[in-house]
Amino acid sequence: MIDPDAPFPCAPPDVTMEHILHYVVIVTGIKGVLFPERNMLNYHAPAPPRGIHRYQFYLFPWAGPQFLDLDYNSPSQRSGFNLTTFENANKLQQPVAVFQFRSQHHVSIYLYSLLLLVFFLLFEAIVGLTQFVTSRIKP
């Protein structure tokens, strides 16, 4: 699974798009049903930093038994993934299936709650300070 919209979708021309690799697994097909056989790269859940990102799954025919050329386990290595380079390095044929879904960046409800609490505390502090200053001013 890759994110082709990193670092963010609709980036200006001067921003280099860096596909992020999220997951690689070898599957076996039995009677038209795919079963995971070997997890080659741990799953990294989608978490778009901003905007709507596409996440794409590619299903390649794989002759095996050679292992795929994978060196993407750290977050810094997952960034900048090049699908064509990966296909060539592992002698993969064209994908037989591609699936895509979209995910949007969401600010957590907890963040909203925290912001409301901070604004409430600031408001209370301002009201308290105003009352204190007003009580010290002699008419």
N, C-alpha and C. Protein backbone atom coordinates (compact mmCIF):
# COMPACT_ATOMS: atom_id res chain seq x y z
N MET A 1 0.86 -1.16 0.00
CA MET A 1 0.00 0.00 0.00
C MET A 1 0.90 1.22 0.00
N ILE A 2 0.60 2.17 -0.87
CA ILE A 2 1.38 3.40 -0.92
C ILE A 2 0.46 4.61 -0.84
N ASP A 3 1.04 5.74 -0.42
CA ASP A 3 0.37 7.03 -0.42
C ASP A 3 1.06 7.88 -1.48
N PRO A 4 0.44 8.04 -2.67
CA PRO A 4 1.09 8.82 -3.72
C PRO A 4 0.94 10.32 -3.55
N ASP A 5 0.21 10.76 -2.53
CA ASP A 5 -0.05 12.19 -2.35
C ASP A 5 0.82 12.85 -1.29
N ALA A 6 1.83 12.15 -0.81
CA ALA A 6 2.71 12.74 0.20
C ALA A 6 3.66 13.73 -0.46
N PRO A 7 4.03 14.80 0.16
CA PRO A 7 3.68 15.17 1.53
C PRO A 7 2.26 15.72 1.67
N PHE A 8 1.69 16.31 0.61
CA PHE A 8 0.30 16.71 0.66
C PHE A 8 -0.25 16.82 -0.76
N PRO A 9 -1.56 16.55 -0.92
CA PRO A 9 -2.14 16.58 -2.26
C PRO A 9 -2.14 17.99 -2.84
N CYS A 10 -2.14 18.06 -4.15
CA CYS A 10 -2.16 19.34 -4.87
C CYS A 10 -0.99 20.22 -4.47
N ALA A 11 0.15 19.60 -4.27
CA ALA A 11 1.34 20.36 -3.89
C ALA A 11 1.78 21.24 -5.05
N PRO A 12 2.34 22.40 -4.74
CA PRO A 12 2.84 23.26 -5.81
C PRO A 12 3.99 22.59 -6.55
N PRO A 13 4.29 23.06 -7.76
CA PRO A 13 5.32 22.41 -8.59
C PRO A 13 6.70 22.33 -7.94
N ASP A 14 7.02 23.23 -7.03
CA ASP A 14 8.36 23.22 -6.42
C ASP A 14 8.48 22.21 -5.28
N VAL A 15 7.38 21.53 -4.93
CA VAL A 15 7.41 20.53 -3.86
C VAL A 15 7.54 19.14 -4.49
N THR A 16 8.52 18.37 -4.03
CA THR A 16 8.73 17.02 -4.54
C THR A 16 7.75 16.07 -3.87
N MET A 17 7.00 15.36 -4.69
CA MET A 17 6.07 14.37 -4.15
C MET A 17 6.87 13.15 -3.74
N GLU A 18 6.61 12.63 -2.55
CA GLU A 18 7.33 11.48 -2.02
C GLU A 18 6.34 10.40 -1.65
N HIS A 19 6.20 9.41 -2.52
CA HIS A 19 5.31 8.31 -2.17
C HIS A 19 5.77 7.71 -0.84
N ILE A 20 4.81 7.34 -0.02
CA ILE A 20 5.13 6.70 1.25
C ILE A 20 4.64 5.26 1.19
N LEU A 21 5.52 4.35 1.52
CA LEU A 21 5.19 2.93 1.52
C LEU A 21 4.57 2.57 2.87
N HIS A 22 3.37 1.96 2.84
CA HIS A 22 2.66 1.66 4.08
C HIS A 22 2.61 0.17 4.41
N TYR A 23 2.71 -0.70 3.39
CA TYR A 23 2.48 -2.12 3.69
C TYR A 23 2.91 -2.97 2.50
N VAL A 24 3.58 -4.09 2.80
CA VAL A 24 3.91 -5.08 1.77
C VAL A 24 3.66 -6.46 2.37
N VAL A 25 2.86 -7.25 1.68
CA VAL A 25 2.55 -8.60 2.13
C VAL A 25 2.48 -9.52 0.92
N ILE A 26 2.95 -10.74 1.08
CA ILE A 26 2.81 -11.75 0.04
C ILE A 26 1.55 -12.54 0.36
N VAL A 27 0.68 -12.68 -0.64
CA VAL A 27 -0.59 -13.37 -0.44
C VAL A 27 -0.65 -14.60 -1.34
N THR A 28 -1.47 -15.54 -0.94
CA THR A 28 -1.73 -16.75 -1.71
C THR A 28 -3.20 -16.76 -2.09
N GLY A 29 -3.48 -17.09 -3.32
CA GLY A 29 -4.87 -17.17 -3.77
C GLY A 29 -5.36 -18.60 -3.75
N ILE A 30 -6.44 -18.84 -3.04
CA ILE A 30 -7.05 -20.18 -3.00
C ILE A 30 -8.52 -20.01 -3.37
N LYS A 31 -8.88 -20.59 -4.52
CA LYS A 31 -10.26 -20.51 -5.02
C LYS A 31 -10.77 -19.08 -5.08
N GLY A 32 -9.90 -18.18 -5.54
CA GLY A 32 -10.29 -16.79 -5.72
C GLY A 32 -10.25 -15.93 -4.46
N VAL A 33 -9.83 -16.50 -3.35
CA VAL A 33 -9.74 -15.75 -2.09
C VAL A 33 -8.26 -15.57 -1.75
N LEU A 34 -7.87 -14.34 -1.40
CA LEU A 34 -6.48 -14.05 -1.05
C LEU A 34 -6.25 -14.20 0.45
N PHE A 35 -5.18 -14.90 0.79
CA PHE A 35 -4.79 -15.09 2.18
C PHE A 35 -3.37 -14.58 2.37
N PRO A 36 -3.10 -13.84 3.45
CA PRO A 36 -1.72 -13.38 3.69
C PRO A 36 -0.82 -14.58 3.98
N GLU A 37 0.31 -14.62 3.29
CA GLU A 37 1.26 -15.71 3.48
C GLU A 37 2.48 -15.25 4.26
N ARG A 38 2.98 -14.08 3.90
CA ARG A 38 4.18 -13.56 4.57
C ARG A 38 4.13 -12.04 4.61
N ASN A 39 4.20 -11.50 5.83
CA ASN A 39 4.24 -10.06 6.02
C ASN A 39 5.67 -9.57 5.78
N MET A 40 5.87 -8.81 4.70
CA MET A 40 7.21 -8.36 4.34
C MET A 40 7.55 -6.99 4.95
N LEU A 41 6.53 -6.21 5.24
CA LEU A 41 6.73 -4.88 5.81
C LEU A 41 5.53 -4.57 6.67
N ASN A 42 5.75 -4.28 7.94
CA ASN A 42 4.64 -4.05 8.86
C ASN A 42 3.72 -2.94 8.37
N TYR A 43 2.45 -3.11 8.68
CA TYR A 43 1.42 -2.16 8.27
C TYR A 43 1.62 -0.83 9.00
N HIS A 44 1.56 0.24 8.24
CA HIS A 44 1.64 1.61 8.77
C HIS A 44 0.33 2.29 8.39
N ALA A 45 -0.53 2.53 9.37
CA ALA A 45 -1.87 3.05 9.11
C ALA A 45 -1.83 4.43 8.46
N PRO A 46 -2.82 4.72 7.62
CA PRO A 46 -2.91 6.04 7.00
C PRO A 46 -3.08 7.13 8.06
N ALA A 47 -2.34 8.21 7.88
CA ALA A 47 -2.46 9.37 8.77
C ALA A 47 -2.05 10.60 7.99
N PRO A 48 -2.89 11.02 7.04
CA PRO A 48 -2.50 12.16 6.21
C PRO A 48 -2.30 13.41 7.05
N PRO A 49 -1.18 14.13 6.86
CA PRO A 49 -0.92 15.32 7.65
C PRO A 49 -1.87 16.47 7.32
N ARG A 50 -2.37 16.51 6.08
CA ARG A 50 -3.36 17.52 5.70
C ARG A 50 -4.03 17.09 4.41
N GLY A 51 -5.26 17.55 4.24
CA GLY A 51 -5.98 17.26 3.01
C GLY A 51 -6.43 15.82 2.89
N ILE A 52 -6.88 15.49 1.69
CA ILE A 52 -7.34 14.14 1.37
C ILE A 52 -6.23 13.43 0.61
N HIS A 53 -5.86 12.24 1.07
CA HIS A 53 -4.81 11.44 0.43
C HIS A 53 -5.42 10.18 -0.14
N ARG A 54 -4.85 9.74 -1.27
CA ARG A 54 -5.22 8.45 -1.85
C ARG A 54 -4.26 7.40 -1.30
N TYR A 55 -4.81 6.21 -1.01
CA TYR A 55 -3.99 5.08 -0.58
C TYR A 55 -4.26 3.95 -1.56
N GLN A 56 -3.20 3.42 -2.16
CA GLN A 56 -3.34 2.47 -3.25
C GLN A 56 -2.72 1.13 -2.90
N PHE A 57 -3.47 0.07 -3.18
CA PHE A 57 -3.00 -1.30 -3.04
C PHE A 57 -2.73 -1.83 -4.45
N TYR A 58 -1.61 -2.49 -4.63
CA TYR A 58 -1.27 -3.11 -5.91
C TYR A 58 -1.11 -4.61 -5.68
N LEU A 59 -1.67 -5.40 -6.57
CA LEU A 59 -1.53 -6.85 -6.51
C LEU A 59 -0.71 -7.29 -7.72
N PHE A 60 0.52 -7.76 -7.45
CA PHE A 60 1.43 -8.20 -8.51
C PHE A 60 1.51 -9.72 -8.53
N PRO A 61 1.58 -10.31 -9.73
CA PRO A 61 1.90 -11.74 -9.77
C PRO A 61 3.35 -11.91 -9.34
N TRP A 62 3.62 -12.90 -8.54
CA TRP A 62 4.97 -13.10 -8.00
C TRP A 62 5.34 -14.55 -8.15
N ALA A 63 6.45 -14.80 -8.84
CA ALA A 63 6.87 -16.17 -9.10
C ALA A 63 7.56 -16.80 -7.90
N GLY A 64 8.17 -15.97 -7.00
CA GLY A 64 8.88 -16.52 -5.86
C GLY A 64 9.96 -17.47 -6.32
N PRO A 65 10.68 -18.16 -5.53
CA PRO A 65 10.69 -18.05 -4.07
C PRO A 65 11.64 -16.96 -3.57
N GLN A 66 12.28 -16.22 -4.49
CA GLN A 66 13.20 -15.17 -4.02
C GLN A 66 12.42 -14.15 -3.19
N PHE A 67 13.14 -13.57 -2.23
CA PHE A 67 12.51 -12.58 -1.37
C PHE A 67 12.54 -11.22 -2.04
N LEU A 68 11.54 -10.45 -1.78
CA LEU A 68 11.49 -9.11 -2.34
C LEU A 68 12.59 -8.25 -1.74
N ASP A 69 13.08 -7.31 -2.54
CA ASP A 69 14.11 -6.38 -2.09
C ASP A 69 13.43 -5.30 -1.26
N LEU A 70 13.47 -5.48 0.07
CA LEU A 70 12.80 -4.54 0.97
C LEU A 70 13.78 -4.00 1.99
N ASP A 71 13.88 -2.71 2.04
CA ASP A 71 14.69 -2.06 3.05
C ASP A 71 13.98 -0.77 3.44
N TYR A 72 12.73 -0.90 3.88
CA TYR A 72 11.88 0.26 4.11
C TYR A 72 11.26 0.25 5.50
N ASN A 73 11.91 -0.37 6.49
CA ASN A 73 11.26 -0.54 7.78
C ASN A 73 11.24 0.68 8.67
N SER A 74 12.13 1.63 8.48
CA SER A 74 12.07 2.83 9.31
C SER A 74 11.21 3.88 8.61
N PRO A 75 10.60 4.77 9.39
CA PRO A 75 9.75 5.80 8.77
C PRO A 75 10.48 6.63 7.72
N SER A 76 11.75 6.92 7.94
CA SER A 76 12.49 7.73 6.97
C SER A 76 12.71 6.95 5.67
N GLN A 77 12.79 5.62 5.74
CA GLN A 77 12.98 4.81 4.54
C GLN A 77 11.68 4.61 3.78
N ARG A 78 10.56 4.70 4.46
CA ARG A 78 9.27 4.50 3.79
C ARG A 78 8.93 5.70 2.91
N SER A 79 9.47 6.86 3.25
CA SER A 79 9.23 8.06 2.47
C SER A 79 10.11 8.06 1.24
N GLY A 80 9.60 8.56 0.14
CA GLY A 80 10.38 8.60 -1.09
C GLY A 80 10.36 7.29 -1.86
N PHE A 81 9.39 6.43 -1.57
CA PHE A 81 9.27 5.14 -2.24
C PHE A 81 8.95 5.35 -3.72
N ASN A 82 9.62 4.59 -4.59
CA ASN A 82 9.38 4.68 -6.02
C ASN A 82 8.87 3.32 -6.50
N LEU A 83 7.62 3.27 -6.93
CA LEU A 83 6.99 2.02 -7.31
C LEU A 83 7.68 1.39 -8.52
N THR A 84 8.04 2.19 -9.50
CA THR A 84 8.70 1.65 -10.71
C THR A 84 10.04 1.03 -10.36
N THR A 85 10.81 1.69 -9.52
CA THR A 85 12.10 1.15 -9.09
C THR A 85 11.90 -0.17 -8.35
N PHE A 86 10.89 -0.24 -7.49
CA PHE A 86 10.57 -1.45 -6.74
C PHE A 86 10.18 -2.58 -7.69
N GLU A 87 9.35 -2.28 -8.69
CA GLU A 87 8.93 -3.28 -9.67
C GLU A 87 10.15 -3.84 -10.42
N ASN A 88 11.03 -2.94 -10.86
CA ASN A 88 12.22 -3.36 -11.62
C ASN A 88 13.19 -4.16 -10.75
N ALA A 89 13.43 -3.71 -9.52
CA ALA A 89 14.38 -4.38 -8.64
C ALA A 89 13.93 -5.79 -8.30
N ASN A 90 12.63 -6.01 -8.27
CA ASN A 90 12.09 -7.32 -7.89
C ASN A 90 11.55 -8.11 -9.09
N LYS A 91 11.80 -7.59 -10.30
CA LYS A 91 11.38 -8.26 -11.54
C LYS A 91 9.89 -8.60 -11.52
N LEU A 92 9.09 -7.65 -11.08
CA LEU A 92 7.65 -7.84 -11.03
C LEU A 92 7.02 -7.48 -12.36
N GLN A 93 5.97 -8.20 -12.72
CA GLN A 93 5.20 -7.89 -13.91
C GLN A 93 4.21 -6.78 -13.57
N GLN A 94 3.44 -6.36 -14.54
CA GLN A 94 2.42 -5.34 -14.29
C GLN A 94 1.41 -5.86 -13.26
N PRO A 95 0.85 -4.97 -12.43
CA PRO A 95 -0.12 -5.44 -11.44
C PRO A 95 -1.36 -6.03 -12.11
N VAL A 96 -1.94 -7.03 -11.45
CA VAL A 96 -3.15 -7.65 -11.96
C VAL A 96 -4.40 -7.00 -11.36
N ALA A 97 -4.19 -6.24 -10.30
CA ALA A 97 -5.31 -5.52 -9.68
C ALA A 97 -4.77 -4.32 -8.91
N VAL A 98 -5.57 -3.28 -8.87
CA VAL A 98 -5.23 -2.07 -8.09
C VAL A 98 -6.51 -1.63 -7.39
N PHE A 99 -6.37 -1.28 -6.13
CA PHE A 99 -7.49 -0.80 -5.33
C PHE A 99 -7.06 0.50 -4.67
N GLN A 100 -7.97 1.43 -4.57
CA GLN A 100 -7.64 2.73 -3.98
C GLN A 100 -8.75 3.19 -3.04
N PHE A 101 -8.36 3.79 -1.92
CA PHE A 101 -9.33 4.46 -1.07
C PHE A 101 -8.75 5.80 -0.68
N ARG A 102 -9.60 6.67 -0.19
CA ARG A 102 -9.14 8.00 0.22
C ARG A 102 -9.36 8.17 1.72
N SER A 103 -8.46 8.93 2.33
CA SER A 103 -8.57 9.22 3.75
C SER A 103 -8.27 10.70 3.96
N GLN A 104 -8.98 11.30 4.87
CA GLN A 104 -8.83 12.73 5.11
C GLN A 104 -8.25 12.99 6.48
N HIS A 105 -7.44 14.05 6.55
CA HIS A 105 -6.88 14.47 7.83
C HIS A 105 -8.02 14.99 8.69
N HIS A 106 -8.10 14.48 9.91
CA HIS A 106 -9.12 14.94 10.86
C HIS A 106 -8.44 15.40 12.13
N VAL A 107 -8.87 16.54 12.61
CA VAL A 107 -8.38 16.99 13.90
C VAL A 107 -9.20 16.27 14.96
N SER A 108 -8.53 15.71 15.89
CA SER A 108 -9.17 14.91 16.92
C SER A 108 -10.14 15.73 17.75
N ILE A 109 -11.21 15.10 18.19
CA ILE A 109 -12.16 15.74 19.09
C ILE A 109 -11.47 16.12 20.40
N TYR A 110 -10.44 15.34 20.76
CA TYR A 110 -9.70 15.66 21.97
C TYR A 110 -8.95 16.98 21.82
N LEU A 111 -8.44 17.24 20.62
CA LEU A 111 -7.76 18.51 20.38
C LEU A 111 -8.75 19.66 20.49
N TYR A 112 -9.94 19.49 19.92
CA TYR A 112 -10.97 20.51 20.04
C TYR A 112 -11.31 20.75 21.51
N SER A 113 -11.46 19.68 22.27
CA SER A 113 -11.77 19.82 23.70
C SER A 113 -10.67 20.57 24.43
N LEU A 114 -9.43 20.23 24.10
CA LEU A 114 -8.31 20.90 24.73
C LEU A 114 -8.29 22.39 24.37
N LEU A 115 -8.54 22.71 23.12
CA LEU A 115 -8.58 24.12 22.72
C LEU A 115 -9.69 24.87 23.44
N LEU A 116 -10.86 24.24 23.57
CA LEU A 116 -11.95 24.89 24.30
C LEU A 116 -11.58 25.13 25.76
N LEU A 117 -10.92 24.16 26.37
CA LEU A 117 -10.49 24.31 27.75
C LEU A 117 -9.49 25.46 27.89
N VAL A 118 -8.53 25.54 26.97
CA VAL A 118 -7.53 26.61 27.01
C VAL A 118 -8.21 27.97 26.85
N PHE A 119 -9.14 28.08 25.89
CA PHE A 119 -9.84 29.35 25.70
C PHE A 119 -10.66 29.71 26.94
N PHE A 120 -11.30 28.73 27.56
CA PHE A 120 -12.08 28.98 28.76
C PHE A 120 -11.17 29.49 29.89
N LEU A 121 -10.02 28.82 30.07
CA LEU A 121 -9.09 29.24 31.12
C LEU A 121 -8.54 30.64 30.85
N LEU A 122 -8.23 30.93 29.60
CA LEU A 122 -7.76 32.28 29.26
C LEU A 122 -8.84 33.32 29.54
N PHE A 123 -10.08 33.00 29.17
CA PHE A 123 -11.19 33.90 29.43
C PHE A 123 -11.34 34.17 30.92
N GLU A 124 -11.31 33.08 31.71
CA GLU A 124 -11.41 33.22 33.16
C GLU A 124 -10.26 34.06 33.72
N ALA A 125 -9.06 33.87 33.20
CA ALA A 125 -7.90 34.63 33.67
C ALA A 125 -8.06 36.11 33.33
N ILE A 126 -8.56 36.40 32.15
CA ILE A 126 -8.76 37.80 31.74
C ILE A 126 -9.83 38.46 32.59
N VAL A 127 -10.94 37.74 32.82
CA VAL A 127 -12.02 38.27 33.66
C VAL A 127 -11.50 38.53 35.08
N GLY A 128 -10.76 37.57 35.62
CA GLY A 128 -10.21 37.72 36.96
C GLY A 128 -9.23 38.88 37.05
N LEU A 129 -8.38 39.03 36.06
CA LEU A 129 -7.41 40.13 36.03
C LEU A 129 -8.13 41.46 35.91
N THR A 130 -9.16 41.50 35.08
CA THR A 130 -9.94 42.74 34.92
C THR A 130 -10.59 43.13 36.24
N GLN A 131 -11.16 42.17 36.94
CA GLN A 131 -11.80 42.45 38.22
C GLN A 131 -10.75 42.92 39.25
N PHE A 132 -9.60 42.31 39.24
CA PHE A 132 -8.52 42.69 40.16
C PHE A 132 -8.08 44.12 39.90
N VAL A 133 -7.83 44.44 38.63
CA VAL A 133 -7.37 45.81 38.26
C VAL A 133 -8.46 46.81 38.59
N THR A 134 -9.70 46.48 38.29
CA THR A 134 -10.82 47.40 38.56
C THR A 134 -10.94 47.65 40.06
N SER A 135 -10.73 46.65 40.88
CA SER A 135 -10.87 46.82 42.32
C SER A 135 -9.73 47.66 42.89
N ARG A 136 -8.62 47.75 42.24
CA ARG A 136 -7.46 48.53 42.70
C ARG A 136 -7.51 49.99 42.27
N ILE A 137 -8.33 50.29 41.29
CA ILE A 137 -8.42 51.67 40.81
C ILE A 137 -9.36 52.41 41.73
N LYS A 138 -8.85 53.54 42.26
CA LYS A 138 -9.68 54.35 43.16
C LYS A 138 -10.39 55.42 42.35
N PRO A 139 -11.69 55.56 42.55
CA PRO A 139 -12.45 56.58 41.80
C PRO A 139 -12.13 58.00 42.25
